[in-house]
Amino acid sequence: MTTETQGRTDTGGIRFLGSLRGATGPLIGLILLCLFLTFWTDTFFSVRNFLNILDQITVLGIMAVGMTFVILIGGIDLAVGSVMALTMMVMGYLHVEAGLSMGIAIPAALGVAALNGLVAGILITRFNVPAFIATLAMMSIARGLASMITNGQQIIGFPSWFNLSAIVRYGGFLTLTVALMLIVFVLAILYQRYRYGGRALYAIGGNPEVARLAGINVTLMTIMVYVVCSVLAGLSGVVLGARLDSVQPSSGVGYELDAIAAVVIGGTSLSGGTGGIGGTIIGVLIIGVLRNGLNLLSVSPFMQQVIIGLVIVLAVTAETFRKRR
């Protein structure tokens, strides 16, 4: 091996280790949590339970990917839960009420989700509306529209294959919904690590003005990030509809907080510029494993909210101390 080749290899190894640095703490926490639940419960450490956890995190996992991109640029999106509900209701109305095939209803519903992200992105970039206010407004609008479609009633009557996609384990391991989540994870990691747009997200989150002077179209990138976040929120709604075999306008309440929690627990800074999809995946797994373990320990849902809140506080505190070092 030549000196030049050795240098490239060392640089690549250092870059890889650096990309894992922000997720090291959450990863250790996940391992310790799994060890604790393995010794304190009889059913946690089993293939069946791990598969159940994967099924349970599909909706949150897909949504959290979009939220990661938004937080990386220093933004926030409070509308994802409502966009999920709106997407579900549009899909249900087009298929059940209008009689369109699912092949048309699903893309059309995702198009509505994309429109929500487009409006939010334009409000933020063109009209200088703070992301918190813009997405808060879109959250209210999307939730209202979701309820208006059927006057607050749920919709049932989807084809059998739709529900089976979240139930049947192909090869005894993966459902189609879990496979979809894994595909989203892989594409997001590849985009973040190897595409110019993925690297630009860090630059925008670090300093938007410097990123603009470096030739990055900050306005376009910001709009596209909010569009992608909304589309992934809509896709998570499709997955939730498959799991429930029904759609209702009250779906998705609080999911925006879960998505933000997963991203923060995974080590992505709320101020933007640091973190990534790898950490978010670990954050999603921590929330999934924690809820699964608390259910196995018969902890009440109310106490579960308290515990998850404490975990978020610990994650943010750990990030603060890490920045001071």
C-alpha atoms as a PDB file:
ATOM      1  CA  MET A   1       0.000   0.000   0.000  1.00  0.00           C
ATOM      2  CA  THR A   2       1.431   3.385  -1.039  1.00  0.00           C
ATOM      3  CA  THR A   3       1.726   6.335   1.318  1.00  0.00           C
ATOM      4  CA  GLU A   4      -0.957   8.200  -0.647  1.00  0.00           C
ATOM      5  CA  THR A   5      -3.364   5.250  -0.458  1.00  0.00           C
ATOM      6  CA  GLN A   6      -2.618   4.837   3.248  1.00  0.00           C
ATOM      7  CA  GLY A   7      -3.368   8.525   3.784  1.00  0.00           C
ATOM      8  CA  ARG A   8      -6.708   8.260   2.006  1.00  0.00           C
ATOM      9  CA  THR A   9      -7.618   5.186   4.049  1.00  0.00           C
ATOM     10  CA  ASP A  10      -6.727   6.872   7.326  1.00  0.00           C
ATOM     11  CA  THR A  11      -8.674   9.981   6.382  1.00  0.00           C
ATOM     12  CA  GLY A  12     -11.681   7.892   5.455  1.00  0.00           C
ATOM     13  CA  GLY A  13     -11.491   6.000   8.748  1.00  0.00           C
ATOM     14  CA  ILE A  14     -11.254   9.223  10.740  1.00  0.00           C
ATOM     15  CA  ARG A  15     -14.232  10.673   8.857  1.00  0.00           C
ATOM     16  CA  PHE A  16     -16.261   7.542   9.529  1.00  0.00           C
ATOM     17  CA  LEU A  17     -15.455   7.583  13.240  1.00  0.00           C
ATOM     18  CA  GLY A  18     -16.275  11.272  13.363  1.00  0.00           C
ATOM     19  CA  SER A  19     -19.679  10.646  11.843  1.00  0.00           C
ATOM     20  CA  LEU A  20     -20.432   8.194  14.639  1.00  0.00           C
ATOM     21  CA  ARG A  21     -19.237  10.428  17.445  1.00  0.00           C
ATOM     22  CA  GLY A  22     -22.552  12.195  18.038  1.00  0.00           C
ATOM     23  CA  ALA A  23     -24.435   8.888  18.168  1.00  0.00           C
ATOM     24  CA  THR A  24     -22.026   7.042  20.451  1.00  0.00           C
ATOM     25  CA  GLY A  25     -23.790   8.100  23.665  1.00  0.00           C
ATOM     26  CA  PRO A  26     -27.281   7.161  22.432  1.00  0.00           C
ATOM     27  CA  LEU A  27     -25.926   3.833  21.140  1.00  0.00           C
ATOM     28  CA  ILE A  28     -24.441   3.007  24.538  1.00  0.00           C
ATOM     29  CA  GLY A  29     -27.725   4.022  26.155  1.00  0.00           C
ATOM     30  CA  LEU A  30     -29.649   1.717  23.802  1.00  0.00           C
ATOM     31  CA  ILE A  31     -27.369  -1.212  24.625  1.00  0.00           C
ATOM     32  CA  LEU A  32     -27.682  -0.622  28.371  1.00  0.00           C
ATOM     33  CA  LEU A  33     -31.463  -0.321  28.065  1.00  0.00           C
ATOM     34  CA  CYS A  34     -31.642  -3.630  26.209  1.00  0.00           C
ATOM     35  CA  LEU A  35     -29.450  -5.317  28.817  1.00  0.00           C
ATOM     36  CA  PHE A  36     -31.590  -3.987  31.657  1.00  0.00           C
ATOM     37  CA  LEU A  37     -34.849  -5.166  30.044  1.00  0.00           C
ATOM     38  CA  THR A  38     -33.309  -8.539  29.217  1.00  0.00           C
ATOM     39  CA  PHE A  39     -32.617  -9.228  32.894  1.00  0.00           C
ATOM     40  CA  TRP A  40     -35.804  -7.657  34.272  1.00  0.00           C
ATOM     41  CA  THR A  41     -38.310  -9.264  31.905  1.00  0.00           C
ATOM     42  CA  ASP A  42     -38.766 -12.809  30.647  1.00  0.00           C
ATOM     43  CA  THR A  43     -40.036 -11.955  27.160  1.00  0.00           C
ATOM     44  CA  PHE A  44     -37.970  -8.966  25.988  1.00  0.00           C
ATOM     45  CA  PHE A  45     -34.987 -10.867  24.617  1.00  0.00           C
ATOM     46  CA  SER A  46     -36.668 -12.862  21.873  1.00  0.00           C
ATOM     47  CA  VAL A  47     -36.835 -12.679  18.113  1.00  0.00           C
ATOM     48  CA  ARG A  48     -40.594 -12.285  18.209  1.00  0.00           C
ATOM     49  CA  ASN A  49     -40.403  -9.282  20.527  1.00  0.00           C
ATOM     50  CA  PHE A  50     -37.682  -7.623  18.448  1.00  0.00           C
ATOM     51  CA  LEU A  51     -39.844  -8.039  15.348  1.00  0.00           C
ATOM     52  CA  ASN A  52     -42.753  -6.514  17.249  1.00  0.00           C
ATOM     53  CA  ILE A  53     -40.569  -3.523  18.121  1.00  0.00           C
ATOM     54  CA  LEU A  54     -39.690  -3.059  14.440  1.00  0.00           C
ATOM     55  CA  ASP A  55     -43.385  -3.118  13.555  1.00  0.00           C
ATOM     56  CA  GLN A  56     -44.150  -0.585  16.268  1.00  0.00           C
ATOM     57  CA  ILE A  57     -41.515   1.952  15.196  1.00  0.00           C
ATOM     58  CA  THR A  58     -42.274   2.006  11.462  1.00  0.00           C
ATOM     59  CA  VAL A  59     -44.501   5.091  11.612  1.00  0.00           C
ATOM     60  CA  LEU A  60     -42.190   7.043  13.901  1.00  0.00           C
ATOM     61  CA  GLY A  61     -39.084   5.909  12.045  1.00  0.00           C
ATOM     62  CA  ILE A  62     -40.218   7.207   8.667  1.00  0.00           C
ATOM     63  CA  MET A  63     -41.463  10.496  10.130  1.00  0.00           C
ATOM     64  CA  ALA A  64     -38.277  11.042  12.149  1.00  0.00           C
ATOM     65  CA  VAL A  65     -36.116  10.920   9.013  1.00  0.00           C
ATOM     66  CA  GLY A  66     -37.846  13.987   7.608  1.00  0.00           C
ATOM     67  CA  MET A  67     -37.684  15.729  10.976  1.00  0.00           C
ATOM     68  CA  THR A  68     -33.926  15.078  11.088  1.00  0.00           C
ATOM     69  CA  PHE A  69     -33.395  16.972   7.846  1.00  0.00           C
ATOM     70  CA  VAL A  70     -35.484  19.885   9.125  1.00  0.00           C
ATOM     71  CA  ILE A  71     -33.647  20.099  12.443  1.00  0.00           C
ATOM     72  CA  LEU A  72     -30.271  19.780  10.712  1.00  0.00           C
ATOM     73  CA  ILE A  73     -30.898  23.112   8.955  1.00  0.00           C
ATOM     74  CA  GLY A  74     -31.936  24.669  12.261  1.00  0.00           C
ATOM     75  CA  GLY A  75     -35.679  24.454  11.598  1.00  0.00           C
ATOM     76  CA  ILE A  76     -38.647  22.745  13.197  1.00  0.00           C
ATOM     77  CA  ASP A  77     -41.851  21.228  11.825  1.00  0.00           C
ATOM     78  CA  LEU A  78     -44.819  21.001  14.174  1.00  0.00           C
ATOM     79  CA  ALA A  79     -47.246  20.029  11.407  1.00  0.00           C
ATOM     80  CA  VAL A  80     -46.102  16.469  10.713  1.00  0.00           C
ATOM     81  CA  GLY A  81     -48.747  14.787  12.890  1.00  0.00           C
ATOM     82  CA  SER A  82     -51.542  16.760  11.251  1.00  0.00           C
ATOM     83  CA  VAL A  83     -50.081  16.181   7.783  1.00  0.00           C
ATOM     84  CA  MET A  84     -50.115  12.475   8.576  1.00  0.00           C
ATOM     85  CA  ALA A  85     -53.825  12.660   9.393  1.00  0.00           C
ATOM     86  CA  LEU A  86     -54.619  14.758   6.311  1.00  0.00           C
ATOM     87  CA  THR A  87     -52.766  12.327   4.048  1.00  0.00           C
ATOM     88  CA  MET A  88     -54.647   9.387   5.539  1.00  0.00           C
ATOM     89  CA  MET A  89     -58.021  11.068   5.072  1.00  0.00           C
ATOM     90  CA  VAL A  90     -57.294  12.131   1.483  1.00  0.00           C
ATOM     91  CA  MET A  91     -56.164   8.601   0.658  1.00  0.00           C
ATOM     92  CA  GLY A  92     -59.266   7.104   2.283  1.00  0.00           C
ATOM     93  CA  TYR A  93     -61.655   9.536   0.620  1.00  0.00           C
ATOM     94  CA  LEU A  94     -60.179   9.057  -2.857  1.00  0.00           C
ATOM     95  CA  HIS A  95     -60.247   5.263  -2.611  1.00  0.00           C
ATOM     96  CA  VAL A  96     -63.409   4.518  -0.611  1.00  0.00           C
ATOM     97  CA  GLU A  97     -65.635   7.492  -1.435  1.00  0.00           C
ATOM     98  CA  ALA A  98     -64.402   8.465  -4.915  1.00  0.00           C
ATOM     99  CA  GLY A  99     -63.707   4.877  -6.014  1.00  0.00           C
ATOM    100  CA  LEU A 100     -60.157   5.481  -7.239  1.00  0.00           C
ATOM    101  CA  SER A 101     -57.554   2.737  -7.060  1.00  0.00           C
ATOM    102  CA  MET A 102     -54.957   2.780  -4.295  1.00  0.00           C
ATOM    103  CA  GLY A 103     -52.334   3.293  -7.001  1.00  0.00           C
ATOM    104  CA  ILE A 104     -53.871   6.715  -7.586  1.00  0.00           C
ATOM    105  CA  ALA A 105     -55.116   7.517  -4.081  1.00  0.00           C
ATOM    106  CA  ILE A 106     -51.764   7.071  -2.345  1.00  0.00           C
ATOM    107  CA  PRO A 107     -49.662   9.267  -4.706  1.00  0.00           C
ATOM    108  CA  ALA A 108     -52.400  11.921  -4.724  1.00  0.00           C
ATOM    109  CA  ALA A 109     -52.477  11.960  -0.921  1.00  0.00           C
ATOM    110  CA  LEU A 110     -48.689  12.254  -0.794  1.00  0.00           C
ATOM    111  CA  GLY A 111     -48.998  15.143  -3.257  1.00  0.00           C
ATOM    112  CA  VAL A 112     -51.266  16.922  -0.771  1.00  0.00           C
ATOM    113  CA  ALA A 113     -48.648  16.337   1.917  1.00  0.00           C
ATOM    114  CA  ALA A 114     -45.959  17.792  -0.348  1.00  0.00           C
ATOM    115  CA  LEU A 115     -48.124  20.869  -0.941  1.00  0.00           C
ATOM    116  CA  ASN A 116     -48.289  21.428   2.812  1.00  0.00           C
ATOM    117  CA  GLY A 117     -44.503  21.357   3.052  1.00  0.00           C
ATOM    118  CA  LEU A 118     -44.212  23.668   0.053  1.00  0.00           C
ATOM    119  CA  VAL A 119     -46.480  26.266   1.652  1.00  0.00           C
ATOM    120  CA  ALA A 120     -44.600  26.052   4.946  1.00  0.00           C
ATOM    121  CA  GLY A 121     -41.251  26.380   3.183  1.00  0.00           C
ATOM    122  CA  ILE A 122     -42.394  29.426   1.214  1.00  0.00           C
ATOM    123  CA  LEU A 123     -43.752  31.091   4.352  1.00  0.00           C
ATOM    124  CA  ILE A 124     -40.419  30.558   6.075  1.00  0.00           C
ATOM    125  CA  THR A 125     -38.109  31.582   3.236  1.00  0.00           C
ATOM    126  CA  ARG A 126     -40.079  34.185   1.264  1.00  0.00           C
ATOM    127  CA  PHE A 127     -42.107  35.843   4.013  1.00  0.00           C
ATOM    128  CA  ASN A 128     -39.599  35.363   6.848  1.00  0.00           C
ATOM    129  CA  VAL A 129     -42.191  33.706   9.088  1.00  0.00           C
ATOM    130  CA  PRO A 130     -40.443  31.835  11.933  1.00  0.00           C
ATOM    131  CA  ALA A 131     -40.524  28.080  11.352  1.00  0.00           C
ATOM    132  CA  PHE A 132     -42.303  27.530  14.649  1.00  0.00           C
ATOM    133  CA  ILE A 133     -45.173  29.871  13.676  1.00  0.00           C
ATOM    134  CA  ALA A 134     -45.386  28.742  10.035  1.00  0.00           C
ATOM    135  CA  THR A 135     -45.598  25.053  10.877  1.00  0.00           C
ATOM    136  CA  LEU A 136     -47.904  25.718  13.817  1.00  0.00           C
ATOM    137  CA  ALA A 137     -50.301  27.397  11.378  1.00  0.00           C
ATOM    138  CA  MET A 138     -49.994  24.531   8.897  1.00  0.00           C
ATOM    139  CA  MET A 139     -50.638  22.087  11.728  1.00  0.00           C
ATOM    140  CA  SER A 140     -53.961  23.746  12.469  1.00  0.00           C
ATOM    141  CA  ILE A 141     -54.912  24.014   8.786  1.00  0.00           C
ATOM    142  CA  ALA A 142     -54.030  20.381   8.010  1.00  0.00           C
ATOM    143  CA  ARG A 143     -55.890  19.087  11.065  1.00  0.00           C
ATOM    144  CA  GLY A 144     -58.960  21.129  10.165  1.00  0.00           C
ATOM    145  CA  LEU A 145     -58.940  19.926   6.562  1.00  0.00           C
ATOM    146  CA  ALA A 146     -58.541  16.320   7.699  1.00  0.00           C
ATOM    147  CA  SER A 147     -61.674  16.649   9.839  1.00  0.00           C
ATOM    148  CA  MET A 148     -63.639  18.465   7.123  1.00  0.00           C
ATOM    149  CA  ILE A 149     -63.219  15.672   4.572  1.00  0.00           C
ATOM    150  CA  THR A 150     -65.624  13.330   6.375  1.00  0.00           C
ATOM    151  CA  ASN A 151     -66.948  15.663   9.071  1.00  0.00           C
ATOM    152  CA  GLY A 152     -64.741  13.954  11.643  1.00  0.00           C
ATOM    153  CA  GLN A 153     -65.729  10.369  10.756  1.00  0.00           C
ATOM    154  CA  GLN A 154     -63.310   7.512  10.151  1.00  0.00           C
ATOM    155  CA  ILE A 155     -63.075   5.717   6.812  1.00  0.00           C
ATOM    156  CA  ILE A 156     -62.879   1.949   6.399  1.00  0.00           C
ATOM    157  CA  GLY A 157     -63.087  -0.366   3.416  1.00  0.00           C
ATOM    158  CA  PHE A 158     -59.519  -0.695   2.144  1.00  0.00           C
ATOM    159  CA  PRO A 159     -58.405  -3.716   0.077  1.00  0.00           C
ATOM    160  CA  SER A 160     -57.150  -6.714   2.034  1.00  0.00           C
ATOM    161  CA  TRP A 161     -53.608  -6.491   0.657  1.00  0.00           C
ATOM    162  CA  PHE A 162     -53.252  -3.030   2.192  1.00  0.00           C
ATOM    163  CA  ASN A 163     -53.704  -4.287   5.738  1.00  0.00           C
ATOM    164  CA  LEU A 164     -51.762  -7.482   5.061  1.00  0.00           C
ATOM    165  CA  SER A 165     -48.719  -5.395   4.077  1.00  0.00           C
ATOM    166  CA  ALA A 166     -48.362  -4.550   7.768  1.00  0.00           C
ATOM    167  CA  ILE A 167     -49.106  -8.062   9.029  1.00  0.00           C
ATOM    168  CA  VAL A 168     -47.563 -10.728   6.790  1.00  0.00           C
ATOM    169  CA  ARG A 169     -43.871 -11.338   7.537  1.00  0.00           C
ATOM    170  CA  TYR A 170     -42.091 -12.363   4.379  1.00  0.00           C
ATOM    171  CA  GLY A 171     -39.368 -14.875   5.091  1.00  0.00           C
ATOM    172  CA  GLY A 172     -40.720 -14.944   8.621  1.00  0.00           C
ATOM    173  CA  PHE A 173     -38.991 -11.627   9.281  1.00  0.00           C
ATOM    174  CA  LEU A 174     -40.030  -8.502   7.379  1.00  0.00           C
ATOM    175  CA  THR A 175     -43.424  -6.997   6.720  1.00  0.00           C
ATOM    176  CA  LEU A 176     -43.702  -4.674   3.741  1.00  0.00           C
ATOM    177  CA  THR A 177     -44.118  -1.686   6.045  1.00  0.00           C
ATOM    178  CA  VAL A 178     -40.900  -2.498   7.921  1.00  0.00           C
ATOM    179  CA  ALA A 179     -39.121  -3.015   4.602  1.00  0.00           C
ATOM    180  CA  LEU A 180     -40.361   0.408   3.503  1.00  0.00           C
ATOM    181  CA  MET A 181     -38.959   1.982   6.676  1.00  0.00           C
ATOM    182  CA  LEU A 182     -35.578   0.317   6.123  1.00  0.00           C
ATOM    183  CA  ILE A 183     -35.495   1.558   2.523  1.00  0.00           C
ATOM    184  CA  VAL A 184     -36.194   5.109   3.736  1.00  0.00           C
ATOM    185  CA  PHE A 185     -33.372   4.747   6.286  1.00  0.00           C
ATOM    186  CA  VAL A 186     -30.873   3.540   3.675  1.00  0.00           C
ATOM    187  CA  LEU A 187     -31.767   6.217   1.111  1.00  0.00           C
ATOM    188  CA  ALA A 188     -31.567   8.939   3.768  1.00  0.00           C
ATOM    189  CA  ILE A 189     -28.136   7.777   4.975  1.00  0.00           C
ATOM    190  CA  LEU A 190     -26.798   7.585   1.415  1.00  0.00           C
ATOM    191  CA  TYR A 191     -28.138  11.051   0.628  1.00  0.00           C
ATOM    192  CA  GLN A 192     -26.734  12.542   3.800  1.00  0.00           C
ATOM    193  CA  ARG A 193     -23.264  11.037   3.378  1.00  0.00           C
ATOM    194  CA  TYR A 194     -22.649  11.030  -0.359  1.00  0.00           C
ATOM    195  CA  ARG A 195     -24.778  13.715  -2.026  1.00  0.00           C
ATOM    196  CA  TYR A 196     -24.023  17.409  -2.258  1.00  0.00           C
ATOM    197  CA  GLY A 197     -27.480  18.253  -0.875  1.00  0.00           C
ATOM    198  CA  GLY A 198     -26.850  16.133   2.209  1.00  0.00           C
ATOM    199  CA  ARG A 199     -23.644  17.990   2.995  1.00  0.00           C
ATOM    200  CA  ALA A 200     -25.356  21.316   2.291  1.00  0.00           C
ATOM    201  CA  LEU A 201     -27.828  20.665   5.117  1.00  0.00           C
ATOM    202  CA  TYR A 202     -24.991  20.860   7.638  1.00  0.00           C
ATOM    203  CA  ALA A 203     -23.699  24.070   6.112  1.00  0.00           C
ATOM    204  CA  ILE A 204     -27.135  25.702   6.284  1.00  0.00           C
ATOM    205  CA  GLY A 205     -27.620  24.575   9.861  1.00  0.00           C
ATOM    206  CA  GLY A 206     -24.190  25.868  10.830  1.00  0.00           C
ATOM    207  CA  ASN A 207     -24.601  29.327   9.287  1.00  0.00           C
ATOM    208  CA  PRO A 208     -27.152  30.068   6.528  1.00  0.00           C
ATOM    209  CA  GLU A 209     -25.376  33.244   5.412  1.00  0.00           C
ATOM    210  CA  VAL A 210     -22.015  31.530   5.064  1.00  0.00           C
ATOM    211  CA  ALA A 211     -23.719  28.708   3.190  1.00  0.00           C
ATOM    212  CA  ARG A 212     -25.281  31.242   0.810  1.00  0.00           C
ATOM    213  CA  LEU A 213     -21.918  32.909   0.187  1.00  0.00           C
ATOM    214  CA  ALA A 214     -20.480  29.456  -0.526  1.00  0.00           C
ATOM    215  CA  GLY A 215     -22.911  29.083  -3.421  1.00  0.00           C
ATOM    216  CA  ILE A 216     -25.636  27.010  -1.750  1.00  0.00           C
ATOM    217  CA  ASN A 217     -29.194  27.943  -2.708  1.00  0.00           C
ATOM    218  CA  VAL A 218     -30.391  28.189   0.879  1.00  0.00           C
ATOM    219  CA  THR A 219     -33.943  29.183  -0.056  1.00  0.00           C
ATOM    220  CA  LEU A 220     -34.482  26.258  -2.417  1.00  0.00           C
ATOM    221  CA  MET A 221     -32.835  23.764  -0.070  1.00  0.00           C
ATOM    222  CA  THR A 222     -34.967  24.942   2.850  1.00  0.00           C
ATOM    223  CA  ILE A 223     -38.182  24.622   0.851  1.00  0.00           C
ATOM    224  CA  MET A 224     -37.205  21.162  -0.383  1.00  0.00           C
ATOM    225  CA  VAL A 225     -36.396  20.014   3.157  1.00  0.00           C
ATOM    226  CA  TYR A 226     -39.874  20.971   4.367  1.00  0.00           C
ATOM    227  CA  VAL A 227     -41.452  19.296   1.326  1.00  0.00           C
ATOM    228  CA  VAL A 228     -39.523  16.072   1.991  1.00  0.00           C
ATOM    229  CA  CYS A 229     -40.426  16.199   5.677  1.00  0.00           C
ATOM    230  CA  SER A 230     -44.121  16.537   4.833  1.00  0.00           C
ATOM    231  CA  VAL A 231     -44.011  13.762   2.230  1.00  0.00           C
ATOM    232  CA  LEU A 232     -42.372  11.404   4.733  1.00  0.00           C
ATOM    233  CA  ALA A 233     -45.006  12.384   7.311  1.00  0.00           C
ATOM    234  CA  GLY A 234     -47.636  11.514   4.715  1.00  0.00           C
ATOM    235  CA  LEU A 235     -45.893   8.220   3.963  1.00  0.00           C
ATOM    236  CA  SER A 236     -45.925   7.384   7.670  1.00  0.00           C
ATOM    237  CA  GLY A 237     -49.678   8.064   7.557  1.00  0.00           C
ATOM    238  CA  VAL A 238     -50.069   5.520   4.757  1.00  0.00           C
ATOM    239  CA  VAL A 239     -48.169   2.997   6.893  1.00  0.00           C
ATOM    240  CA  LEU A 240     -50.356   3.755   9.920  1.00  0.00           C
ATOM    241  CA  GLY A 241     -53.474   3.357   7.768  1.00  0.00           C
ATOM    242  CA  ALA A 242     -52.223  -0.070   6.692  1.00  0.00           C
ATOM    243  CA  ARG A 243     -51.603  -1.096  10.291  1.00  0.00           C
ATOM    244  CA  LEU A 244     -55.039   0.075  11.485  1.00  0.00           C
ATOM    245  CA  ASP A 245     -56.910  -0.890   8.286  1.00  0.00           C
ATOM    246  CA  SER A 246     -58.771   2.416   8.704  1.00  0.00           C
ATOM    247  CA  VAL A 247     -58.133   6.153   8.748  1.00  0.00           C
ATOM    248  CA  GLN A 248     -59.479   8.870  11.024  1.00  0.00           C
ATOM    249  CA  PRO A 249     -58.799  12.607  11.375  1.00  0.00           C
ATOM    250  CA  SER A 250     -57.690  12.308  14.997  1.00  0.00           C
ATOM    251  CA  SER A 251     -54.669  10.217  13.999  1.00  0.00           C
ATOM    252  CA  GLY A 252     -51.179  11.583  14.481  1.00  0.00           C
ATOM    253  CA  VAL A 253     -51.830  13.704  17.577  1.00  0.00           C
ATOM    254  CA  GLY A 254     -48.524  14.119  19.418  1.00  0.00           C
ATOM    255  CA  TYR A 255     -46.450  12.397  16.741  1.00  0.00           C
ATOM    256  CA  GLU A 256     -44.578  15.608  16.003  1.00  0.00           C
ATOM    257  CA  LEU A 257     -43.296  15.563  19.591  1.00  0.00           C
ATOM    258  CA  ASP A 258     -42.271  11.909  19.302  1.00  0.00           C
ATOM    259  CA  ALA A 259     -40.395  12.649  16.068  1.00  0.00           C
ATOM    260  CA  ILE A 260     -38.573  15.603  17.601  1.00  0.00           C
ATOM    261  CA  ALA A 261     -37.772  13.502  20.676  1.00  0.00           C
ATOM    262  CA  ALA A 262     -36.289  10.699  18.557  1.00  0.00           C
ATOM    263  CA  VAL A 263     -34.094  13.167  16.667  1.00  0.00           C
ATOM    264  CA  VAL A 264     -32.903  14.920  19.836  1.00  0.00           C
ATOM    265  CA  ILE A 265     -32.274  11.660  21.709  1.00  0.00           C
ATOM    266  CA  GLY A 266     -30.251  10.527  18.676  1.00  0.00           C
ATOM    267  CA  GLY A 267     -27.840  13.425  19.141  1.00  0.00           C
ATOM    268  CA  THR A 268     -28.992  15.940  16.518  1.00  0.00           C
ATOM    269  CA  SER A 269     -28.726  19.484  17.837  1.00  0.00           C
ATOM    270  CA  LEU A 270     -31.873  21.604  17.852  1.00  0.00           C
ATOM    271  CA  SER A 271     -29.719  24.554  16.813  1.00  0.00           C
ATOM    272  CA  GLY A 272     -28.814  22.722  13.611  1.00  0.00           C
ATOM    273  CA  GLY A 273     -25.587  21.720  11.916  1.00  0.00           C
ATOM    274  CA  THR A 274     -24.747  18.564  13.873  1.00  0.00           C
ATOM    275  CA  GLY A 275     -26.218  15.075  14.059  1.00  0.00           C
ATOM    276  CA  GLY A 276     -27.614  12.806  11.384  1.00  0.00           C
ATOM    277  CA  ILE A 277     -29.793   9.907  10.337  1.00  0.00           C
ATOM    278  CA  GLY A 278     -27.675   7.284  12.109  1.00  0.00           C
ATOM    279  CA  GLY A 279     -28.302   8.915  15.458  1.00  0.00           C
ATOM    280  CA  THR A 280     -32.000   9.332  14.682  1.00  0.00           C
ATOM    281  CA  ILE A 281     -32.343   5.614  13.963  1.00  0.00           C
ATOM    282  CA  ILE A 282     -30.839   4.920  17.380  1.00  0.00           C
ATOM    283  CA  GLY A 283     -33.182   7.494  18.923  1.00  0.00           C
ATOM    284  CA  VAL A 284     -36.192   5.830  17.305  1.00  0.00           C
ATOM    285  CA  LEU A 285     -35.025   2.456  18.599  1.00  0.00           C
ATOM    286  CA  ILE A 286     -34.556   3.858  22.107  1.00  0.00           C
ATOM    287  CA  ILE A 287     -38.130   5.153  22.151  1.00  0.00           C
ATOM    288  CA  GLY A 288     -39.447   1.897  20.678  1.00  0.00           C
ATOM    289  CA  VAL A 289     -37.495  -0.324  23.061  1.00  0.00           C
ATOM    290  CA  LEU A 290     -38.355   1.889  26.027  1.00  0.00           C
ATOM    291  CA  ARG A 291     -42.098   1.789  25.332  1.00  0.00           C
ATOM    292  CA  ASN A 292     -41.997  -1.934  24.643  1.00  0.00           C
ATOM    293  CA  GLY A 293     -40.064  -2.615  27.848  1.00  0.00           C
ATOM    294  CA  LEU A 294     -42.309  -0.390  29.955  1.00  0.00           C
ATOM    295  CA  ASN A 295     -45.342  -2.254  28.612  1.00  0.00           C
ATOM    296  CA  LEU A 296     -43.704  -5.572  29.516  1.00  0.00           C
ATOM    297  CA  LEU A 297     -43.055  -4.185  33.004  1.00  0.00           C
ATOM    298  CA  SER A 298     -46.741  -3.155  33.235  1.00  0.00           C
ATOM    299  CA  VAL A 299     -45.916   0.525  33.690  1.00  0.00           C
ATOM    300  CA  SER A 300     -48.945   2.774  33.195  1.00  0.00           C
ATOM    301  CA  PRO A 301     -49.127   4.875  29.992  1.00  0.00           C
ATOM    302  CA  PHE A 302     -49.103   8.060  32.086  1.00  0.00           C
ATOM    303  CA  MET A 303     -45.869   7.100  33.814  1.00  0.00           C
ATOM    304  CA  GLN A 304     -44.419   6.134  30.429  1.00  0.00           C
ATOM    305  CA  GLN A 305     -44.889   9.735  29.272  1.00  0.00           C
ATOM    306  CA  VAL A 306     -43.028  10.958  32.355  1.00  0.00           C
ATOM    307  CA  ILE A 307     -40.150   8.533  31.800  1.00  0.00           C
ATOM    308  CA  ILE A 308     -39.795   9.387  28.105  1.00  0.00           C
ATOM    309  CA  GLY A 309     -39.826  13.070  29.028  1.00  0.00           C
ATOM    310  CA  LEU A 310     -36.987  12.474  31.491  1.00  0.00           C
ATOM    311  CA  VAL A 311     -35.026  10.639  28.795  1.00  0.00           C
ATOM    312  CA  ILE A 312     -35.402  13.663  26.497  1.00  0.00           C
ATOM    313  CA  VAL A 313     -34.171  15.980  29.254  1.00  0.00           C
ATOM    314  CA  LEU A 314     -31.149  13.738  29.852  1.00  0.00           C
ATOM    315  CA  ALA A 315     -30.380  13.659  26.114  1.00  0.00           C
ATOM    316  CA  VAL A 316     -30.508  17.449  25.790  1.00  0.00           C
ATOM    317  CA  THR A 317     -28.432  17.884  28.968  1.00  0.00           C
ATOM    318  CA  ALA A 318     -25.826  15.462  27.662  1.00  0.00           C
ATOM    319  CA  GLU A 319     -25.646  17.393  24.391  1.00  0.00           C
ATOM    320  CA  THR A 320     -25.152  20.664  26.297  1.00  0.00           C
ATOM    321  CA  PHE A 321     -22.259  19.237  28.314  1.00  0.00           C
ATOM    322  CA  ARG A 322     -20.708  17.764  25.161  1.00  0.00           C
ATOM    323  CA  LYS A 323     -20.734  21.200  23.482  1.00  0.00           C
ATOM    324  CA  ARG A 324     -18.993  22.786  26.453  1.00  0.00           C
ATOM    325  CA  ARG A 325     -16.078  20.358  26.291  1.00  0.00           C
END
